[in-house]
Protein backbone atom coordinates (compact mmCIF):
# COMPACT_ATOMS: atom_id res chain seq x y z
CA MET A 1 -9.99 -19.79 23.74
CA THR A 2 -9.08 -16.29 25.56
CA LEU A 3 -8.15 -13.60 23.19
CA ARG A 4 -6.42 -10.20 24.13
CA VAL A 5 -6.74 -7.19 21.92
CA ARG A 6 -4.18 -4.20 22.62
CA ASP A 7 -2.41 -1.46 21.08
CA LEU A 8 0.95 -2.68 19.43
CA ASP A 9 4.01 -1.62 21.70
CA PRO A 10 6.64 -0.12 18.86
CA GLU A 11 9.40 -0.57 21.24
CA ASN A 12 8.48 -4.26 21.91
CA PRO A 13 10.51 -6.51 19.15
CA ALA A 14 8.25 -9.34 19.69
CA ASP A 15 5.04 -7.42 18.99
CA LEU A 16 6.97 -6.08 15.79
CA ASP A 17 8.15 -9.61 14.66
CA GLY A 18 4.63 -10.99 15.52
CA ILE A 19 2.76 -8.69 13.18
CA THR A 20 5.22 -8.94 10.63
CA ALA A 21 4.68 -12.60 10.65
CA VAL A 22 0.89 -12.51 10.57
CA LEU A 23 1.09 -9.96 7.40
CA ARG A 24 3.32 -12.01 5.55
CA ALA A 25 1.25 -15.15 5.99
CA ALA A 26 -2.20 -13.57 5.47
CA VAL A 27 -1.03 -11.44 2.51
CA PRO A 28 2.30 -12.74 0.97
CA PRO A 29 2.43 -9.91 -1.90
CA MET A 30 2.36 -7.30 1.16
CA LEU A 31 6.05 -6.04 1.86
CA VAL A 32 6.43 -5.62 5.51
CA THR A 33 9.08 -5.41 8.02
CA PRO A 34 9.35 -4.76 11.75
CA GLU A 35 10.95 -1.40 10.87
CA LEU A 36 8.01 -0.32 8.86
CA LEU A 37 5.50 -1.20 11.67
CA TRP A 38 7.49 0.60 14.03
CA TRP A 39 7.68 3.57 11.75
CA GLN A 40 3.78 3.14 11.03
CA SER A 41 3.05 3.10 14.78
CA ALA A 42 5.63 5.83 15.99
CA ARG A 43 5.31 8.37 13.06
CA ALA A 44 1.94 8.37 11.71
CA PRO A 45 0.43 12.06 11.19
CA ALA A 46 -1.39 13.38 14.05
CA ALA A 47 -4.64 13.92 12.02
CA GLN A 48 -4.83 10.16 11.11
CA CYS A 49 -5.40 9.34 14.64
CA HIS A 50 -3.88 5.95 13.72
CA ARG A 51 -3.80 2.95 15.84
CA LEU A 52 -2.06 -0.36 15.24
CA LEU A 53 -3.99 -3.17 17.14
CA LEU A 54 -2.81 -6.79 17.87
CA ALA A 55 -4.79 -9.79 19.12
CA GLU A 56 -2.71 -12.40 20.87
CA ASP A 57 -3.89 -15.84 22.19
CA GLU A 58 -3.71 -17.22 25.48
CA GLU A 59 -0.09 -18.07 25.23
CA GLY A 60 0.89 -14.71 24.16
CA ARG A 61 1.24 -15.33 20.48
CA VAL A 62 0.28 -12.66 18.04
CA ILE A 63 -2.40 -14.04 15.90
CA GLY A 64 -3.93 -10.93 14.18
CA ARG A 65 -3.39 -7.30 13.35
CA GLY A 66 -5.70 -4.40 12.85
CA SER A 67 -4.88 -0.99 11.46
CA THR A 68 -7.45 1.77 11.85
CA GLY A 69 -7.83 5.60 11.63
CA LEU A 70 -9.03 8.65 9.77
CA ALA A 71 -8.57 9.08 6.15
CA HIS A 72 -7.11 12.45 6.90
CA GLU A 73 -5.94 13.09 3.45
CA SER A 74 -9.68 12.77 1.89
CA PRO A 75 -11.63 15.98 1.09
CA GLU A 76 -14.53 14.36 2.69
CA PRO A 77 -14.56 14.43 6.56
CA GLY A 78 -15.66 11.44 8.53
CA LEU A 79 -14.20 8.61 6.48
CA ALA A 80 -11.85 6.25 8.09
CA PHE A 81 -10.19 2.81 7.53
CA CYS A 82 -10.17 -0.42 9.29
CA ASN A 83 -7.92 -3.16 7.95
CA VAL A 84 -7.70 -6.42 9.92
CA TYR A 85 -5.75 -9.55 9.01
CA VAL A 86 -5.76 -12.98 10.98
CA HIS A 87 -2.79 -15.40 10.54
CA PRO A 88 -4.19 -18.44 8.27
CA GLU A 89 -3.32 -20.99 11.06
CA HIS A 90 -5.55 -19.26 13.50
CA GLU A 91 -8.80 -18.36 11.52
CA GLY A 92 -12.01 -19.14 13.12
CA ARG A 93 -10.83 -18.40 16.59
CA GLY A 94 -12.56 -14.93 17.08
CA ALA A 95 -9.63 -12.81 16.46
CA GLY A 96 -10.85 -11.18 13.59
CA THR A 97 -14.30 -10.44 15.35
CA ALA A 98 -12.42 -8.94 18.30
CA LEU A 99 -10.08 -6.68 16.02
CA VAL A 100 -12.98 -5.31 14.02
CA SER A 101 -15.07 -4.64 17.14
CA ALA A 102 -12.44 -2.97 18.82
CA ALA A 103 -11.60 -0.84 15.58
CA GLU A 104 -15.16 0.22 14.91
CA GLU A 105 -15.54 1.21 18.46
CA TYR A 106 -12.59 3.44 18.29
CA LEU A 107 -13.48 4.96 15.35
CA ALA A 108 -17.03 5.93 16.46
CA SER A 109 -15.42 7.51 19.40
CA ILE A 110 -13.38 9.86 17.22
CA GLY A 111 -16.23 10.91 15.03
CA ALA A 112 -15.85 8.67 12.04
CA ARG A 113 -19.10 8.28 9.97
CA THR A 114 -17.95 5.68 7.38
CA ALA A 115 -15.17 3.08 7.47
CA PHE A 116 -13.66 1.30 4.53
CA SER A 117 -11.67 -2.07 4.75
CA TRP A 118 -9.97 -4.28 2.43
CA VAL A 119 -11.19 -7.78 2.74
CA LEU A 120 -9.28 -10.70 1.34
CA ASP A 121 -11.28 -12.61 -1.34
CA GLY A 122 -12.86 -15.95 -0.50
CA GLU A 123 -16.03 -16.84 1.20
CA ARG A 124 -14.74 -17.17 4.45
CA ASN A 125 -13.53 -13.78 4.75
CA LEU A 126 -16.53 -12.07 2.57
CA GLY A 127 -18.81 -14.03 4.47
CA PHE A 128 -17.26 -12.61 7.80
CA ALA A 129 -17.63 -9.03 6.45
CA ARG A 130 -21.17 -9.53 5.12
CA ARG A 131 -22.31 -10.94 8.59
CA SER A 132 -20.54 -8.07 10.27
CA GLY A 133 -22.73 -5.48 8.66
CA TRP A 134 -19.85 -4.36 5.78
CA SER A 135 -20.91 -3.76 2.30
CA PRO A 136 -18.58 -4.76 -0.72
CA SER A 137 -17.88 -2.29 -3.47
CA ARG A 138 -14.63 -2.46 -5.69
CA SER A 139 -11.76 -4.76 -5.49
CA ALA A 140 -8.07 -4.73 -6.12
CA ARG A 141 -5.46 -7.26 -7.25
CA PHE A 142 -2.27 -8.06 -5.99
CA GLN A 143 0.10 -9.40 -9.00
CA ARG A 144 3.62 -11.09 -8.96
CA LEU A 145 6.28 -10.86 -11.65
CA ASP A 146 9.33 -13.17 -11.69
CA LEU A 147 12.35 -10.79 -11.63
CA THR A 148 14.75 -13.79 -12.56
CA ALA A 149 13.09 -13.79 -16.20
CA PRO A 150 14.33 -11.33 -18.96
CA PRO A 151 12.06 -8.30 -19.08
CA PRO A 152 10.23 -7.42 -22.43
CA PRO A 153 12.20 -5.34 -25.16
CA LEU A 154 11.17 -1.74 -25.00
CA ALA A 155 12.35 1.31 -27.28
CA PRO A 156 14.69 3.78 -25.89
CA PRO A 157 12.97 7.22 -24.35
CA PRO A 158 12.10 9.41 -27.37
CA PRO A 159 13.89 12.89 -27.77
CA GLY A 160 13.23 15.29 -24.92
CA VAL A 161 12.51 12.37 -22.50
CA GLU A 162 15.24 11.60 -19.83
CA LEU A 163 14.97 8.92 -16.87
CA ARG A 164 16.34 9.41 -13.76
CA PRO A 165 16.24 7.93 -10.37
CA ALA A 166 14.39 9.63 -7.32
CA ALA A 167 17.76 9.87 -5.56
CA ALA A 168 18.72 12.68 -8.14
CA PHE A 169 16.14 14.72 -6.54
CA ALA A 170 17.45 14.24 -3.00
CA ASP A 171 18.27 18.13 -2.64
CA ASP A 172 14.68 19.04 -3.69
CA PRO A 173 12.15 16.54 -4.08
CA ARG A 174 9.26 19.01 -4.26
CA PRO A 175 8.90 18.68 -8.17
CA LEU A 176 8.19 14.75 -7.33
CA PHE A 177 5.42 15.97 -4.63
CA LEU A 178 3.84 17.83 -7.11
CA LEU A 179 3.70 15.02 -9.70
CA ASP A 180 2.35 12.59 -7.08
CA ALA A 181 -0.34 14.69 -6.02
CA GLU A 182 -1.61 15.10 -9.29
CA ALA A 183 -1.56 11.56 -10.15
CA THR A 184 -2.93 10.38 -6.79
CA ALA A 185 -5.81 12.75 -7.30
CA ASP A 186 -6.84 10.78 -10.30
CA GLU A 187 -6.33 7.25 -8.94
CA PRO A 188 -9.49 5.09 -8.91
CA SER A 189 -10.89 4.89 -5.25
CA ASP A 190 -13.74 5.11 -2.96
CA VAL A 191 -11.93 7.35 -0.81
CA GLY A 192 -10.49 10.49 -2.65
CA THR A 193 -7.14 11.62 -1.69
CA GLU A 194 -5.57 15.10 -2.07
CA LEU A 195 -1.96 15.71 -1.30
CA ASP A 196 -1.58 19.19 -0.37
CA ASP A 197 0.76 19.14 2.73
CA TYR A 198 4.44 18.89 1.58
CA GLU A 199 5.99 18.68 4.96
CA GLU A 200 3.64 15.69 5.72
CA TRP A 201 4.65 14.05 2.13
CA LEU A 202 8.32 14.28 3.00
CA ALA A 203 7.71 12.54 6.23
CA THR A 204 5.26 9.85 4.95
CA SER A 205 6.02 9.36 1.48
CA TRP A 206 9.73 10.64 0.96
CA GLY A 207 10.64 9.27 4.31
CA HIS A 208 8.87 5.79 3.93
CA PRO A 209 11.34 3.29 5.32
CA LEU A 210 10.75 0.71 2.36
CA LEU A 211 11.31 3.52 -0.22
CA ASP A 212 14.20 2.61 -2.56
CA ARG A 213 15.27 6.18 -4.05
CA ASP A 214 17.73 4.40 -6.53
CA LEU A 215 15.37 2.20 -8.04
CA THR A 216 12.48 4.57 -7.88
CA THR A 217 12.29 5.94 -11.61
CA VAL A 218 11.29 9.34 -12.74
CA ALA A 219 10.56 10.32 -16.42
CA LEU A 220 11.36 13.86 -17.33
CA VAL A 221 10.12 15.67 -20.34
CA ASP A 222 12.29 18.67 -21.23
CA GLY A 223 13.74 18.74 -17.75
CA VAL A 224 10.35 18.42 -16.01
CA PRO A 225 9.03 15.35 -14.10
CA ALA A 226 6.32 14.13 -16.10
CA ALA A 227 5.89 10.17 -15.07
CA PHE A 228 7.36 8.16 -12.07
CA SER A 229 7.45 4.79 -10.71
CA ILE A 230 7.97 4.18 -7.03
CA ALA A 231 9.97 1.24 -5.77
CA HIS A 232 9.69 -0.13 -2.57
CA THR A 233 12.06 -2.96 -1.27
CA ASP A 234 12.37 -5.08 2.05
CA GLY A 235 15.88 -6.03 1.85
CA ALA A 236 15.11 -9.44 1.32
CA GLY A 237 14.97 -9.60 -2.66
CA ARG A 238 11.40 -8.47 -2.83
CA TYR A 239 10.14 -5.06 -4.73
CA SER A 240 6.90 -3.62 -4.93
CA SER A 241 5.50 -0.94 -6.94
CA GLY A 242 4.39 1.92 -4.57
CA MET A 243 2.65 3.79 -7.22
CA THR A 244 3.12 4.57 -10.95
CA GLY A 245 1.49 7.64 -12.34
CA THR A 246 1.69 10.21 -15.04
CA ALA A 247 1.09 14.22 -15.25
CA ARG A 248 -2.22 14.79 -16.99
CA ALA A 249 -0.61 16.63 -19.88
CA HIS A 250 1.57 13.70 -20.76
CA ARG A 251 -0.62 10.68 -20.58
CA GLY A 252 -1.12 8.32 -23.45
CA ARG A 253 2.62 8.60 -24.39
CA GLY A 254 3.76 5.48 -22.70
CA LEU A 255 5.81 7.38 -20.27
CA ALA A 256 4.45 5.40 -17.21
CA LYS A 257 5.69 2.16 -18.96
CA LEU A 258 9.11 3.50 -19.53
CA ALA A 259 9.44 4.82 -15.93
CA LYS A 260 8.37 1.11 -14.57
CA HIS A 261 10.62 -0.71 -17.48
CA ASP A 262 13.65 1.09 -16.03
CA SER A 263 12.86 0.55 -12.46
CA LEU A 264 12.31 -3.12 -12.86
CA SER A 265 15.36 -3.43 -14.85
CA ARG A 266 17.45 -1.98 -12.40
CA ALA A 267 15.75 -4.04 -9.69
CA ARG A 268 16.78 -7.26 -11.78
CA ALA A 269 20.45 -5.88 -12.02
CA ALA A 270 20.39 -5.18 -8.26
CA GLY A 271 19.60 -8.92 -7.72
CA LEU A 272 16.12 -8.68 -6.65
CA THR A 273 14.27 -11.90 -7.40
CA GLU A 274 10.37 -11.06 -7.41
CA ALA A 275 8.12 -7.97 -7.71
CA TYR A 276 4.45 -7.25 -6.56
CA THR A 277 1.95 -4.47 -7.55
CA SER A 278 -1.64 -3.94 -6.69
CA ASN A 279 -4.27 -2.25 -9.02
CA ASP A 280 -7.86 -1.45 -8.73
CA THR A 281 -9.61 -3.62 -10.87
CA GLU A 282 -11.02 -0.53 -12.73
CA ASN A 283 -7.85 0.88 -13.66
CA ALA A 284 -7.58 -0.61 -17.04
CA PRO A 285 -4.31 1.43 -18.39
CA MET A 286 -2.14 0.07 -15.30
CA LEU A 287 -3.71 -3.54 -15.61
CA ALA A 288 -2.68 -3.69 -19.37
CA ILE A 289 0.70 -2.33 -18.67
CA ASN A 290 1.46 -4.88 -16.06
CA GLU A 291 0.16 -7.59 -18.03
CA TRP A 292 2.49 -6.44 -20.81
CA PHE A 293 5.38 -6.80 -18.32
CA GLY A 294 4.31 -10.42 -17.39
CA TYR A 295 2.75 -9.93 -14.06
CA VAL A 296 0.25 -12.86 -12.92
CA PRO A 297 -2.67 -12.44 -10.50
CA ALA A 298 -1.58 -13.27 -6.84
CA VAL A 299 -4.47 -12.17 -4.47
CA THR A 300 -7.49 -10.36 -4.78
CA GLU A 301 -9.11 -8.09 -2.08
CA VAL A 302 -12.60 -6.52 -2.06
CA ARG A 303 -13.18 -2.94 -0.57
CA HIS A 304 -16.15 -2.85 1.91
CA ALA A 305 -17.60 0.10 3.64
CA LYS A 306 -19.75 0.41 6.76
CA PRO A 307 -21.45 3.18 8.28
CA LEU A 308 -20.68 3.98 12.00
CA GLY A 309 -22.27 5.60 15.00
């Protein structure tokens, strides 16, 4: 079979629709829209050196997608990402190999020393990664929640704690940036992340095309943001937790559970039908919270690493 690997054309609707179909089929819990892909391609930070690659077959059908670039928010230089997915109906035809090879060559050319990749669990995918020189490390689990079922009961916020939507911070979201930066710095990961550029955060997090500011909940303690639960929605009844976190000084008080409970409850009231979340398998506190909510396992991915150059 003749395969072609090239960069996505963000102005070509067929490219955007093709990659959307690949990702929805390969990773059903992942929220993706053509608008999100356009934004990822056109608005990525320059320091990320981001490329969205696609693989198409001899008939011009998009059958695979690769996303690659530098982990520019990591305090350690030379780290990169390379995440490849192939449509399940077109596996075993060389698309994954072609995309990974193109991504590795590109990363080496821009000075990346080590690449990290999320690989879907299962012998076909894990075996491919192993044969290609990638070594497994930690894993993460997508989980699904049926939003048509009633939520478990939860006591109202204690005195001094107020729940507000992120939309209430539209005039000045900087307090949310500071809270997000602190929580993200402590998130389990092979690649550390430092959020220290407010303008970039405004563009990439606050300006994320799937961010639902009305359903994102912030818990305030004495008027100061202390915990949050970010909601992403795709306009098709699906909800995804972008991040849930708590400031270090307020951990252990159940504020993250309060914020997420409020966000999910308002998502139900808005008519959304299913919710997804993803957690590192070593993140015991969030796994316990999500189990309490009723989330069930959906898809597991294994983080892999490979030295380059």
